[in-house]
Amino acid sequence: MNVTVKKISVPSSDGIHNLVGVVYLPDSQIKGIYHIVHGMTEHIGRYKRIMTDLADKGYICVGYDNLGHGYTAKDKSELGYIADNDGWDLLSRDVALFAAAVKKEYGEDLPYYLMGHSMGSFIVRLSAERYFVPDKLIIMGTGGPNPAAGAGLTVIALIKLLYGRRHISKLVDKLAFGSYNKKFTDTSQKGSWLTTDLEVRKKYWEDDFCTFKFTVSAMGDLIKLMKNSNRNAWFKNVSSSLPILLLSGENDPVGNYGEGISYVTQKLKRNGKNAECVLYKGARHEILNDFTYTEVLNDIVKFIE
């Protein structure tokens, strides 16, 4: 089946940037729209494989580079910086703005499926609560509450006061991610926590749109995304009629090696939500870039169909 790829640009909620993205169009009868929100320090181009495969199955597949990422950033100096204020909220608002533009262009009545990976998982969790309720929600590589979040925000506030919002702090980066490789033996190459696939890791570290660091301001936005999407009100406010699929590698440190994502799933269920969870044995953080790809794709297709 032929798939047509088009560029798309939608004004961001920040009033400054355009969300630069892509649309994968199938040449068959359209089954629905599948919207992907990518993670921290990456870009929508890394999702080419699943976007192509879903388009091949009849879904319009869409996504864009988040604020401070990829081609949405006006130049390299903006990579890793989201906004002067409330960047975490702007990221969630952007999901709704982009979805509205896509629906207007390709069909208001088409079923709309929303997926977020890693940082994108926290973005879509908040967006689905506050700004845009899709027909089905796929939460990939997410995590539960972090007891150190409050302390992290205090440290970030102090560093911003001393060095400014755009300062890149090795300390904050180490506090946030320094422990992620500890449980893995294949640490001769950076980022072993991401995937078991060495070639994927190699490409990641050679990609200019993946190797930048977050500023302290953006790190604060990341923590607020995680904190706000794990507050008690979030579990209560998410629509009870929204089918939710949570997907994670069993060895994903973001999901606390299965414990965090299981916590989120069980708390959703205790609040009367329609949630199910799949943990992939032996897989790490990027289950779409691991040996689990085909299984994950099949589980997603089964869920949305």
C-alpha atoms as a PDB file:
ATOM      1  CA  MET A   1       0.000   0.000   0.000  1.00  0.00           C
ATOM      2  CA  ASN A   2       1.259   3.485  -0.813  1.00  0.00           C
ATOM      3  CA  VAL A   3       1.601   6.052   1.978  1.00  0.00           C
ATOM      4  CA  THR A   4       1.837   9.786   1.272  1.00  0.00           C
ATOM      5  CA  VAL A   5       3.799  11.923   3.718  1.00  0.00           C
ATOM      6  CA  LYS A   6       2.978  15.613   4.015  1.00  0.00           C
ATOM      7  CA  LYS A   7       4.357  18.404   6.169  1.00  0.00           C
ATOM      8  CA  ILE A   8       2.032  20.318   8.463  1.00  0.00           C
ATOM      9  CA  SER A   9       2.424  23.502  10.500  1.00  0.00           C
ATOM     10  CA  VAL A  10       0.022  24.629  13.237  1.00  0.00           C
ATOM     11  CA  PRO A  11       0.404  27.729  15.450  1.00  0.00           C
ATOM     12  CA  SER A  12       1.441  26.818  19.001  1.00  0.00           C
ATOM     13  CA  SER A  13      -0.425  27.937  22.093  1.00  0.00           C
ATOM     14  CA  ASP A  14       2.620  30.037  23.024  1.00  0.00           C
ATOM     15  CA  GLY A  15       1.761  32.546  20.278  1.00  0.00           C
ATOM     16  CA  ILE A  16       5.368  32.487  19.063  1.00  0.00           C
ATOM     17  CA  HIS A  17       6.137  29.182  17.383  1.00  0.00           C
ATOM     18  CA  ASN A  18       4.573  26.950  14.771  1.00  0.00           C
ATOM     19  CA  LEU A  19       4.281  23.260  15.584  1.00  0.00           C
ATOM     20  CA  VAL A  20       6.107  21.636  12.680  1.00  0.00           C
ATOM     21  CA  GLY A  21       4.954  18.120  11.985  1.00  0.00           C
ATOM     22  CA  VAL A  22       4.023  15.403   9.520  1.00  0.00           C
ATOM     23  CA  VAL A  23       0.921  13.649   8.257  1.00  0.00           C
ATOM     24  CA  TYR A  24       1.067  10.069   6.931  1.00  0.00           C
ATOM     25  CA  LEU A  25      -1.870   9.490   4.582  1.00  0.00           C
ATOM     26  CA  PRO A  26      -2.980   6.013   3.488  1.00  0.00           C
ATOM     27  CA  ASP A  27      -4.310   5.451  -0.012  1.00  0.00           C
ATOM     28  CA  SER A  28      -7.063   3.186   1.307  1.00  0.00           C
ATOM     29  CA  GLN A  29     -10.320   3.823   3.148  1.00  0.00           C
ATOM     30  CA  ILE A  30      -9.607   5.855   6.296  1.00  0.00           C
ATOM     31  CA  LYS A  31     -10.283   4.102   9.600  1.00  0.00           C
ATOM     32  CA  GLY A  32      -9.332   6.957  11.909  1.00  0.00           C
ATOM     33  CA  ILE A  33      -6.635   9.384  12.978  1.00  0.00           C
ATOM     34  CA  TYR A  34      -3.682   8.374  15.157  1.00  0.00           C
ATOM     35  CA  HIS A  35      -1.865  11.252  16.865  1.00  0.00           C
ATOM     36  CA  ILE A  36       1.585  10.699  18.427  1.00  0.00           C
ATOM     37  CA  VAL A  37       3.230  12.990  20.992  1.00  0.00           C
ATOM     38  CA  HIS A  38       6.955  12.312  21.301  1.00  0.00           C
ATOM     39  CA  GLY A  39       9.198  12.319  24.365  1.00  0.00           C
ATOM     40  CA  MET A  40      11.972  14.444  25.831  1.00  0.00           C
ATOM     41  CA  THR A  41      15.003  15.331  23.673  1.00  0.00           C
ATOM     42  CA  GLU A  42      13.784  13.541  20.571  1.00  0.00           C
ATOM     43  CA  HIS A  43      11.503  14.380  17.632  1.00  0.00           C
ATOM     44  CA  ILE A  44       8.567  13.050  15.638  1.00  0.00           C
ATOM     45  CA  GLY A  45      10.905  11.768  12.909  1.00  0.00           C
ATOM     46  CA  ARG A  46      11.890   8.897  15.217  1.00  0.00           C
ATOM     47  CA  TYR A  47       8.344   7.516  14.860  1.00  0.00           C
ATOM     48  CA  LYS A  48       8.532   7.006  11.101  1.00  0.00           C
ATOM     49  CA  ARG A  49       8.242   3.229  11.364  1.00  0.00           C
ATOM     50  CA  ILE A  50       5.010   3.068  13.360  1.00  0.00           C
ATOM     51  CA  MET A  51       3.503   6.017  11.493  1.00  0.00           C
ATOM     52  CA  THR A  52       4.148   4.258   8.187  1.00  0.00           C
ATOM     53  CA  ASP A  53       2.799   0.931   9.450  1.00  0.00           C
ATOM     54  CA  LEU A  54      -0.362   2.486  10.898  1.00  0.00           C
ATOM     55  CA  ALA A  55      -0.967   4.447   7.687  1.00  0.00           C
ATOM     56  CA  ASP A  56      -0.496   1.196   5.803  1.00  0.00           C
ATOM     57  CA  LYS A  57      -3.342  -0.222   7.914  1.00  0.00           C
ATOM     58  CA  GLY A  58      -5.660   2.666   7.031  1.00  0.00           C
ATOM     59  CA  TYR A  59      -4.993   5.274   9.705  1.00  0.00           C
ATOM     60  CA  ILE A  60      -4.024   8.895   9.119  1.00  0.00           C
ATOM     61  CA  CYS A  61      -0.980   9.188  11.370  1.00  0.00           C
ATOM     62  CA  VAL A  62       0.067  12.626  12.626  1.00  0.00           C
ATOM     63  CA  GLY A  63       2.540  14.249  14.977  1.00  0.00           C
ATOM     64  CA  TYR A  64       4.785  17.272  15.443  1.00  0.00           C
ATOM     65  CA  ASP A  65       7.957  18.369  17.191  1.00  0.00           C
ATOM     66  CA  ASN A  66       7.142  19.717  20.657  1.00  0.00           C
ATOM     67  CA  LEU A  67       8.149  23.193  21.776  1.00  0.00           C
ATOM     68  CA  GLY A  68      11.904  23.260  22.340  1.00  0.00           C
ATOM     69  CA  HIS A  69      12.398  20.284  20.025  1.00  0.00           C
ATOM     70  CA  GLY A  70      13.192  19.481  16.406  1.00  0.00           C
ATOM     71  CA  TYR A  71      11.965  21.808  13.671  1.00  0.00           C
ATOM     72  CA  THR A  72       9.496  23.580  15.966  1.00  0.00           C
ATOM     73  CA  ALA A  73      12.518  25.230  17.574  1.00  0.00           C
ATOM     74  CA  LYS A  74      13.537  28.197  15.405  1.00  0.00           C
ATOM     75  CA  ASP A  75      17.231  27.334  15.734  1.00  0.00           C
ATOM     76  CA  LYS A  76      19.583  25.168  17.791  1.00  0.00           C
ATOM     77  CA  SER A  77      19.749  27.757  20.572  1.00  0.00           C
ATOM     78  CA  GLU A  78      16.073  27.012  21.349  1.00  0.00           C
ATOM     79  CA  LEU A  79      16.525  23.256  21.693  1.00  0.00           C
ATOM     80  CA  GLY A  80      15.838  22.244  25.279  1.00  0.00           C
ATOM     81  CA  TYR A  81      13.978  25.434  26.230  1.00  0.00           C
ATOM     82  CA  ILE A  82      10.181  25.258  26.199  1.00  0.00           C
ATOM     83  CA  ALA A  83       8.824  28.605  27.433  1.00  0.00           C
ATOM     84  CA  ASP A  84       9.375  31.475  29.820  1.00  0.00           C
ATOM     85  CA  ASN A  85       6.368  30.454  31.902  1.00  0.00           C
ATOM     86  CA  ASP A  86       4.148  27.377  32.249  1.00  0.00           C
ATOM     87  CA  GLY A  87       5.781  25.432  29.446  1.00  0.00           C
ATOM     88  CA  TRP A  88       4.295  22.221  30.829  1.00  0.00           C
ATOM     89  CA  ASP A  89       0.784  23.616  30.286  1.00  0.00           C
ATOM     90  CA  LEU A  90       1.571  24.945  26.806  1.00  0.00           C
ATOM     91  CA  LEU A  91       2.687  21.458  25.763  1.00  0.00           C
ATOM     92  CA  SER A  92      -0.692  20.051  26.817  1.00  0.00           C
ATOM     93  CA  ARG A  93      -2.609  22.866  25.132  1.00  0.00           C
ATOM     94  CA  ASP A  94      -0.686  22.268  21.903  1.00  0.00           C
ATOM     95  CA  VAL A  95      -2.082  18.745  21.698  1.00  0.00           C
ATOM     96  CA  ALA A  96      -5.622  20.126  21.555  1.00  0.00           C
ATOM     97  CA  LEU A  97      -4.732  22.855  19.047  1.00  0.00           C
ATOM     98  CA  PHE A  98      -3.006  20.393  16.739  1.00  0.00           C
ATOM     99  CA  ALA A  99      -5.863  17.890  17.036  1.00  0.00           C
ATOM    100  CA  ALA A 100      -8.413  20.566  16.152  1.00  0.00           C
ATOM    101  CA  ALA A 101      -6.431  21.540  13.038  1.00  0.00           C
ATOM    102  CA  VAL A 102      -6.072  17.922  11.941  1.00  0.00           C
ATOM    103  CA  LYS A 103      -9.756  17.152  12.485  1.00  0.00           C
ATOM    104  CA  LYS A 104     -10.756  20.245  10.525  1.00  0.00           C
ATOM    105  CA  GLU A 105      -8.513  19.240   7.623  1.00  0.00           C
ATOM    106  CA  TYR A 106      -9.169  15.498   7.478  1.00  0.00           C
ATOM    107  CA  GLY A 107     -12.544  14.873   9.087  1.00  0.00           C
ATOM    108  CA  GLU A 108     -14.343  15.958  12.249  1.00  0.00           C
ATOM    109  CA  ASP A 109     -16.171  12.638  12.499  1.00  0.00           C
ATOM    110  CA  LEU A 110     -13.211  10.294  12.175  1.00  0.00           C
ATOM    111  CA  PRO A 111     -12.279   8.325  15.322  1.00  0.00           C
ATOM    112  CA  TYR A 112      -9.315  10.066  16.977  1.00  0.00           C
ATOM    113  CA  TYR A 113      -6.670   8.120  18.875  1.00  0.00           C
ATOM    114  CA  LEU A 114      -4.035   9.888  20.983  1.00  0.00           C
ATOM    115  CA  MET A 115      -0.704   8.388  22.065  1.00  0.00           C
ATOM    116  CA  GLY A 116       2.121   9.883  24.102  1.00  0.00           C
ATOM    117  CA  HIS A 117       5.497   8.330  24.841  1.00  0.00           C
ATOM    118  CA  SER A 118       7.684   9.153  27.871  1.00  0.00           C
ATOM    119  CA  MET A 119       7.435  12.923  28.451  1.00  0.00           C
ATOM    120  CA  GLY A 120       4.726  12.786  25.796  1.00  0.00           C
ATOM    121  CA  SER A 121       2.804  10.351  28.011  1.00  0.00           C
ATOM    122  CA  PHE A 122       2.537  12.987  30.744  1.00  0.00           C
ATOM    123  CA  ILE A 123       1.590  15.619  28.159  1.00  0.00           C
ATOM    124  CA  VAL A 124      -1.311  13.556  26.784  1.00  0.00           C
ATOM    125  CA  ARG A 125      -2.443  12.575  30.266  1.00  0.00           C
ATOM    126  CA  LEU A 126      -2.917  16.246  31.161  1.00  0.00           C
ATOM    127  CA  SER A 127      -4.318  17.168  27.761  1.00  0.00           C
ATOM    128  CA  ALA A 128      -6.942  14.411  27.971  1.00  0.00           C
ATOM    129  CA  GLU A 129      -7.965  15.733  31.377  1.00  0.00           C
ATOM    130  CA  ARG A 130      -8.065  19.446  30.553  1.00  0.00           C
ATOM    131  CA  TYR A 131      -8.169  20.222  26.844  1.00  0.00           C
ATOM    132  CA  PHE A 132      -8.929  17.373  24.463  1.00  0.00           C
ATOM    133  CA  VAL A 133     -10.606  14.016  25.057  1.00  0.00           C
ATOM    134  CA  PRO A 134      -9.770  11.561  22.250  1.00  0.00           C
ATOM    135  CA  ASP A 135     -11.805   8.468  21.435  1.00  0.00           C
ATOM    136  CA  LYS A 136      -9.053   6.286  22.895  1.00  0.00           C
ATOM    137  CA  LEU A 137      -5.832   7.087  24.774  1.00  0.00           C
ATOM    138  CA  ILE A 138      -2.535   5.184  24.596  1.00  0.00           C
ATOM    139  CA  ILE A 139      -0.085   6.026  27.404  1.00  0.00           C
ATOM    140  CA  MET A 140       3.378   4.648  26.648  1.00  0.00           C
ATOM    141  CA  GLY A 141       6.478   4.671  28.857  1.00  0.00           C
ATOM    142  CA  THR A 142       4.862   6.661  31.646  1.00  0.00           C
ATOM    143  CA  GLY A 143       5.538   6.744  35.372  1.00  0.00           C
ATOM    144  CA  GLY A 144       3.888   7.177  38.738  1.00  0.00           C
ATOM    145  CA  PRO A 145       4.470   9.851  41.392  1.00  0.00           C
ATOM    146  CA  ASN A 146       8.046  10.798  42.304  1.00  0.00           C
ATOM    147  CA  PRO A 147       8.496  11.654  45.995  1.00  0.00           C
ATOM    148  CA  ALA A 148      11.525  13.799  45.113  1.00  0.00           C
ATOM    149  CA  ALA A 149       9.556  16.072  42.758  1.00  0.00           C
ATOM    150  CA  GLY A 150       9.069  18.837  45.323  1.00  0.00           C
ATOM    151  CA  ALA A 151      12.749  18.897  46.248  1.00  0.00           C
ATOM    152  CA  GLY A 152      13.685  18.900  42.567  1.00  0.00           C
ATOM    153  CA  LEU A 153      11.558  21.978  41.910  1.00  0.00           C
ATOM    154  CA  THR A 154      13.170  23.736  44.868  1.00  0.00           C
ATOM    155  CA  VAL A 155      16.670  23.032  43.522  1.00  0.00           C
ATOM    156  CA  ILE A 156      15.638  24.206  40.052  1.00  0.00           C
ATOM    157  CA  ALA A 157      14.154  27.426  41.431  1.00  0.00           C
ATOM    158  CA  LEU A 158      17.427  28.188  43.202  1.00  0.00           C
ATOM    159  CA  ILE A 159      19.532  27.478  40.100  1.00  0.00           C
ATOM    160  CA  LYS A 160      17.252  29.642  37.948  1.00  0.00           C
ATOM    161  CA  LEU A 161      17.663  32.451  40.454  1.00  0.00           C
ATOM    162  CA  LEU A 162      21.459  32.166  40.353  1.00  0.00           C
ATOM    163  CA  TYR A 163      22.100  31.377  36.688  1.00  0.00           C
ATOM    164  CA  GLY A 164      18.894  32.066  34.752  1.00  0.00           C
ATOM    165  CA  ARG A 165      16.182  29.988  33.085  1.00  0.00           C
ATOM    166  CA  ARG A 166      18.325  28.817  30.175  1.00  0.00           C
ATOM    167  CA  HIS A 167      21.144  27.440  32.302  1.00  0.00           C
ATOM    168  CA  ILE A 168      21.943  23.768  31.724  1.00  0.00           C
ATOM    169  CA  SER A 169      22.684  22.084  35.040  1.00  0.00           C
ATOM    170  CA  LYS A 170      24.721  18.883  35.173  1.00  0.00           C
ATOM    171  CA  LEU A 171      23.542  18.452  38.755  1.00  0.00           C
ATOM    172  CA  VAL A 172      19.852  18.525  37.862  1.00  0.00           C
ATOM    173  CA  ASP A 173      20.412  16.200  34.907  1.00  0.00           C
ATOM    174  CA  LYS A 174      22.290  13.740  37.126  1.00  0.00           C
ATOM    175  CA  LEU A 175      19.635  13.870  39.843  1.00  0.00           C
ATOM    176  CA  ALA A 176      16.923  13.198  37.265  1.00  0.00           C
ATOM    177  CA  PHE A 177      18.540  10.494  35.137  1.00  0.00           C
ATOM    178  CA  GLY A 178      21.808   9.476  36.799  1.00  0.00           C
ATOM    179  CA  SER A 179      20.440   6.197  38.128  1.00  0.00           C
ATOM    180  CA  TYR A 180      18.737   5.019  34.938  1.00  0.00           C
ATOM    181  CA  ASN A 181      21.658   2.913  33.658  1.00  0.00           C
ATOM    182  CA  LYS A 182      22.524   1.256  36.977  1.00  0.00           C
ATOM    183  CA  LYS A 183      20.466  -1.909  36.501  1.00  0.00           C
ATOM    184  CA  PHE A 184      21.926  -2.691  33.087  1.00  0.00           C
ATOM    185  CA  THR A 185      25.221  -4.454  32.347  1.00  0.00           C
ATOM    186  CA  ASP A 186      25.626  -3.296  28.728  1.00  0.00           C
ATOM    187  CA  THR A 187      26.718   0.226  29.684  1.00  0.00           C
ATOM    188  CA  SER A 188      29.664   0.442  27.288  1.00  0.00           C
ATOM    189  CA  GLN A 189      27.374   2.557  25.121  1.00  0.00           C
ATOM    190  CA  LYS A 190      25.402   5.487  26.541  1.00  0.00           C
ATOM    191  CA  GLY A 191      21.679   5.233  27.039  1.00  0.00           C
ATOM    192  CA  SER A 192      21.432   1.517  27.716  1.00  0.00           C
ATOM    193  CA  TRP A 193      18.188   2.182  29.588  1.00  0.00           C
ATOM    194  CA  LEU A 194      16.538   3.333  26.351  1.00  0.00           C
ATOM    195  CA  THR A 195      16.589   0.047  24.417  1.00  0.00           C
ATOM    196  CA  THR A 196      18.439  -3.235  24.049  1.00  0.00           C
ATOM    197  CA  ASP A 197      19.073  -2.361  20.380  1.00  0.00           C
ATOM    198  CA  LEU A 198      22.636  -1.050  20.025  1.00  0.00           C
ATOM    199  CA  GLU A 199      22.033   0.307  16.532  1.00  0.00           C
ATOM    200  CA  VAL A 200      19.097   2.423  17.718  1.00  0.00           C
ATOM    201  CA  ARG A 201      21.234   3.825  20.526  1.00  0.00           C
ATOM    202  CA  LYS A 202      24.017   4.627  18.074  1.00  0.00           C
ATOM    203  CA  LYS A 203      21.614   6.534  15.802  1.00  0.00           C
ATOM    204  CA  TYR A 204      20.161   8.360  18.798  1.00  0.00           C
ATOM    205  CA  TRP A 205      23.556   9.707  19.891  1.00  0.00           C
ATOM    206  CA  GLU A 206      24.395  10.751  16.324  1.00  0.00           C
ATOM    207  CA  ASP A 207      21.160  12.749  15.992  1.00  0.00           C
ATOM    208  CA  ASP A 208      21.495  16.500  16.669  1.00  0.00           C
ATOM    209  CA  PHE A 209      17.815  16.599  17.602  1.00  0.00           C
ATOM    210  CA  CYS A 210      18.411  14.054  20.389  1.00  0.00           C
ATOM    211  CA  THR A 211      21.743  15.022  21.933  1.00  0.00           C
ATOM    212  CA  PHE A 212      20.884  18.444  23.379  1.00  0.00           C
ATOM    213  CA  LYS A 213      20.233  18.946  27.101  1.00  0.00           C
ATOM    214  CA  PHE A 214      17.202  20.455  28.802  1.00  0.00           C
ATOM    215  CA  THR A 215      17.593  23.849  30.435  1.00  0.00           C
ATOM    216  CA  VAL A 216      16.686  24.098  34.131  1.00  0.00           C
ATOM    217  CA  SER A 217      13.437  25.787  33.124  1.00  0.00           C
ATOM    218  CA  ALA A 218      12.483  22.855  30.900  1.00  0.00           C
ATOM    219  CA  MET A 219      13.496  20.376  33.601  1.00  0.00           C
ATOM    220  CA  GLY A 220      11.044  22.187  35.857  1.00  0.00           C
ATOM    221  CA  ASP A 221       8.369  21.798  33.180  1.00  0.00           C
ATOM    222  CA  LEU A 222       9.116  18.068  32.973  1.00  0.00           C
ATOM    223  CA  ILE A 223       8.766  17.637  36.738  1.00  0.00           C
ATOM    224  CA  LYS A 224       5.496  19.609  36.733  1.00  0.00           C
ATOM    225  CA  LEU A 225       4.140  17.420  33.930  1.00  0.00           C
ATOM    226  CA  MET A 226       4.933  14.312  35.965  1.00  0.00           C
ATOM    227  CA  LYS A 227       3.635  15.783  39.207  1.00  0.00           C
ATOM    228  CA  ASN A 228       0.386  17.177  37.795  1.00  0.00           C
ATOM    229  CA  SER A 229      -0.463  14.015  35.873  1.00  0.00           C
ATOM    230  CA  ASN A 230      -0.091  11.966  39.062  1.00  0.00           C
ATOM    231  CA  ARG A 231      -2.110  14.148  41.423  1.00  0.00           C
ATOM    232  CA  ASN A 232      -5.268  12.631  42.895  1.00  0.00           C
ATOM    233  CA  ALA A 233      -7.457  15.008  40.907  1.00  0.00           C
ATOM    234  CA  TRP A 234      -6.089  13.683  37.614  1.00  0.00           C
ATOM    235  CA  PHE A 235      -7.228  10.141  38.372  1.00  0.00           C
ATOM    236  CA  LYS A 236     -10.679  11.475  39.300  1.00  0.00           C
ATOM    237  CA  ASN A 237     -11.066  13.918  36.407  1.00  0.00           C
ATOM    238  CA  VAL A 238     -10.140  11.693  33.458  1.00  0.00           C
ATOM    239  CA  SER A 239     -13.294  10.618  31.653  1.00  0.00           C
ATOM    240  CA  SER A 240     -14.632   7.277  32.856  1.00  0.00           C
ATOM    241  CA  SER A 241     -15.821   6.509  29.322  1.00  0.00           C
ATOM    242  CA  LEU A 242     -12.335   6.982  27.818  1.00  0.00           C
ATOM    243  CA  PRO A 243     -10.647   3.641  27.022  1.00  0.00           C
ATOM    244  CA  ILE A 244      -7.017   3.836  28.166  1.00  0.00           C
ATOM    245  CA  LEU A 245      -4.188   1.480  27.216  1.00  0.00           C
ATOM    246  CA  LEU A 246      -0.942   1.734  29.193  1.00  0.00           C
ATOM    247  CA  LEU A 247       2.162   0.180  27.626  1.00  0.00           C
ATOM    248  CA  SER A 248       5.635  -0.149  29.130  1.00  0.00           C
ATOM    249  CA  GLY A 249       8.788  -2.180  29.068  1.00  0.00           C
ATOM    250  CA  GLU A 250       9.193  -4.291  32.172  1.00  0.00           C
ATOM    251  CA  ASN A 251      12.740  -2.915  32.505  1.00  0.00           C
ATOM    252  CA  ASP A 252      11.824   0.739  31.980  1.00  0.00           C
ATOM    253  CA  PRO A 253      13.251   2.950  34.754  1.00  0.00           C
ATOM    254  CA  VAL A 254      10.753   5.725  33.944  1.00  0.00           C
ATOM    255  CA  GLY A 255       7.995   3.313  34.950  1.00  0.00           C
ATOM    256  CA  ASN A 256      10.064   2.155  37.938  1.00  0.00           C
ATOM    257  CA  TYR A 257      10.546  -1.266  36.335  1.00  0.00           C
ATOM    258  CA  GLY A 258       6.840  -1.988  36.129  1.00  0.00           C
ATOM    259  CA  GLU A 259       5.859  -0.706  39.551  1.00  0.00           C
ATOM    260  CA  GLY A 260       5.091   2.878  38.550  1.00  0.00           C
ATOM    261  CA  ILE A 261       2.952   2.070  35.544  1.00  0.00           C
ATOM    262  CA  SER A 262       1.135  -0.643  37.523  1.00  0.00           C
ATOM    263  CA  TYR A 263       0.410   1.949  40.213  1.00  0.00           C
ATOM    264  CA  VAL A 264      -1.071   4.309  37.613  1.00  0.00           C
ATOM    265  CA  THR A 265      -3.196   1.543  36.091  1.00  0.00           C
ATOM    266  CA  GLN A 266      -4.550   0.314  39.422  1.00  0.00           C
ATOM    267  CA  LYS A 267      -5.329   3.826  40.645  1.00  0.00           C
ATOM    268  CA  LEU A 268      -7.212   4.533  37.413  1.00  0.00           C
ATOM    269  CA  LYS A 269      -9.248   1.368  37.955  1.00  0.00           C
ATOM    270  CA  ARG A 270      -9.941   2.254  41.594  1.00  0.00           C
ATOM    271  CA  ASN A 271     -11.345   5.542  40.326  1.00  0.00           C
ATOM    272  CA  GLY A 272     -13.686   3.719  37.965  1.00  0.00           C
ATOM    273  CA  LYS A 273     -11.696   4.315  34.776  1.00  0.00           C
ATOM    274  CA  ASN A 274     -11.533   2.021  31.755  1.00  0.00           C
ATOM    275  CA  ALA A 275      -7.813   1.166  31.853  1.00  0.00           C
ATOM    276  CA  GLU A 276      -5.679  -1.811  30.904  1.00  0.00           C
ATOM    277  CA  CYS A 277      -1.923  -2.323  31.046  1.00  0.00           C
ATOM    278  CA  VAL A 278       0.601  -4.390  29.077  1.00  0.00           C
ATOM    279  CA  LEU A 279       4.160  -4.903  30.353  1.00  0.00           C
ATOM    280  CA  TYR A 280       6.693  -6.277  27.881  1.00  0.00           C
ATOM    281  CA  LYS A 281       9.138  -8.698  29.467  1.00  0.00           C
ATOM    282  CA  GLY A 282      12.791  -7.766  28.976  1.00  0.00           C
ATOM    283  CA  ALA A 283      12.004  -4.514  27.146  1.00  0.00           C
ATOM    284  CA  ARG A 284      13.334  -1.138  28.247  1.00  0.00           C
ATOM    285  CA  HIS A 285      12.051   2.405  27.794  1.00  0.00           C
ATOM    286  CA  GLU A 286      11.584   2.667  24.028  1.00  0.00           C
ATOM    287  CA  ILE A 287       9.371  -0.318  23.307  1.00  0.00           C
ATOM    288  CA  LEU A 288       8.859   0.922  19.734  1.00  0.00           C
ATOM    289  CA  ASN A 289      12.639   0.764  19.244  1.00  0.00           C
ATOM    290  CA  ASP A 290      13.201  -2.600  20.888  1.00  0.00           C
ATOM    291  CA  PHE A 291      12.661  -6.267  20.015  1.00  0.00           C
ATOM    292  CA  THR A 292       9.034  -5.746  21.089  1.00  0.00           C
ATOM    293  CA  TYR A 293       8.076  -3.487  18.156  1.00  0.00           C
ATOM    294  CA  THR A 294       5.818  -5.941  16.285  1.00  0.00           C
ATOM    295  CA  GLU A 295       4.087  -7.052  19.467  1.00  0.00           C
ATOM    296  CA  VAL A 296       3.494  -3.457  20.560  1.00  0.00           C
ATOM    297  CA  LEU A 297       2.148  -2.493  17.128  1.00  0.00           C
ATOM    298  CA  ASN A 298      -0.235  -5.452  17.163  1.00  0.00           C
ATOM    299  CA  ASP A 299      -1.463  -4.567  20.670  1.00  0.00           C
ATOM    300  CA  ILE A 300      -2.095  -0.966  19.609  1.00  0.00           C
ATOM    301  CA  VAL A 301      -3.993  -1.998  16.474  1.00  0.00           C
ATOM    302  CA  LYS A 302      -6.061  -4.480  18.485  1.00  0.00           C
ATOM    303  CA  PHE A 303      -6.904  -1.754  20.997  1.00  0.00           C
ATOM    304  CA  ILE A 304      -7.968   0.891  18.487  1.00  0.00           C
ATOM    305  CA  GLU A 305      -9.860  -1.525  16.266  1.00  0.00           C
END
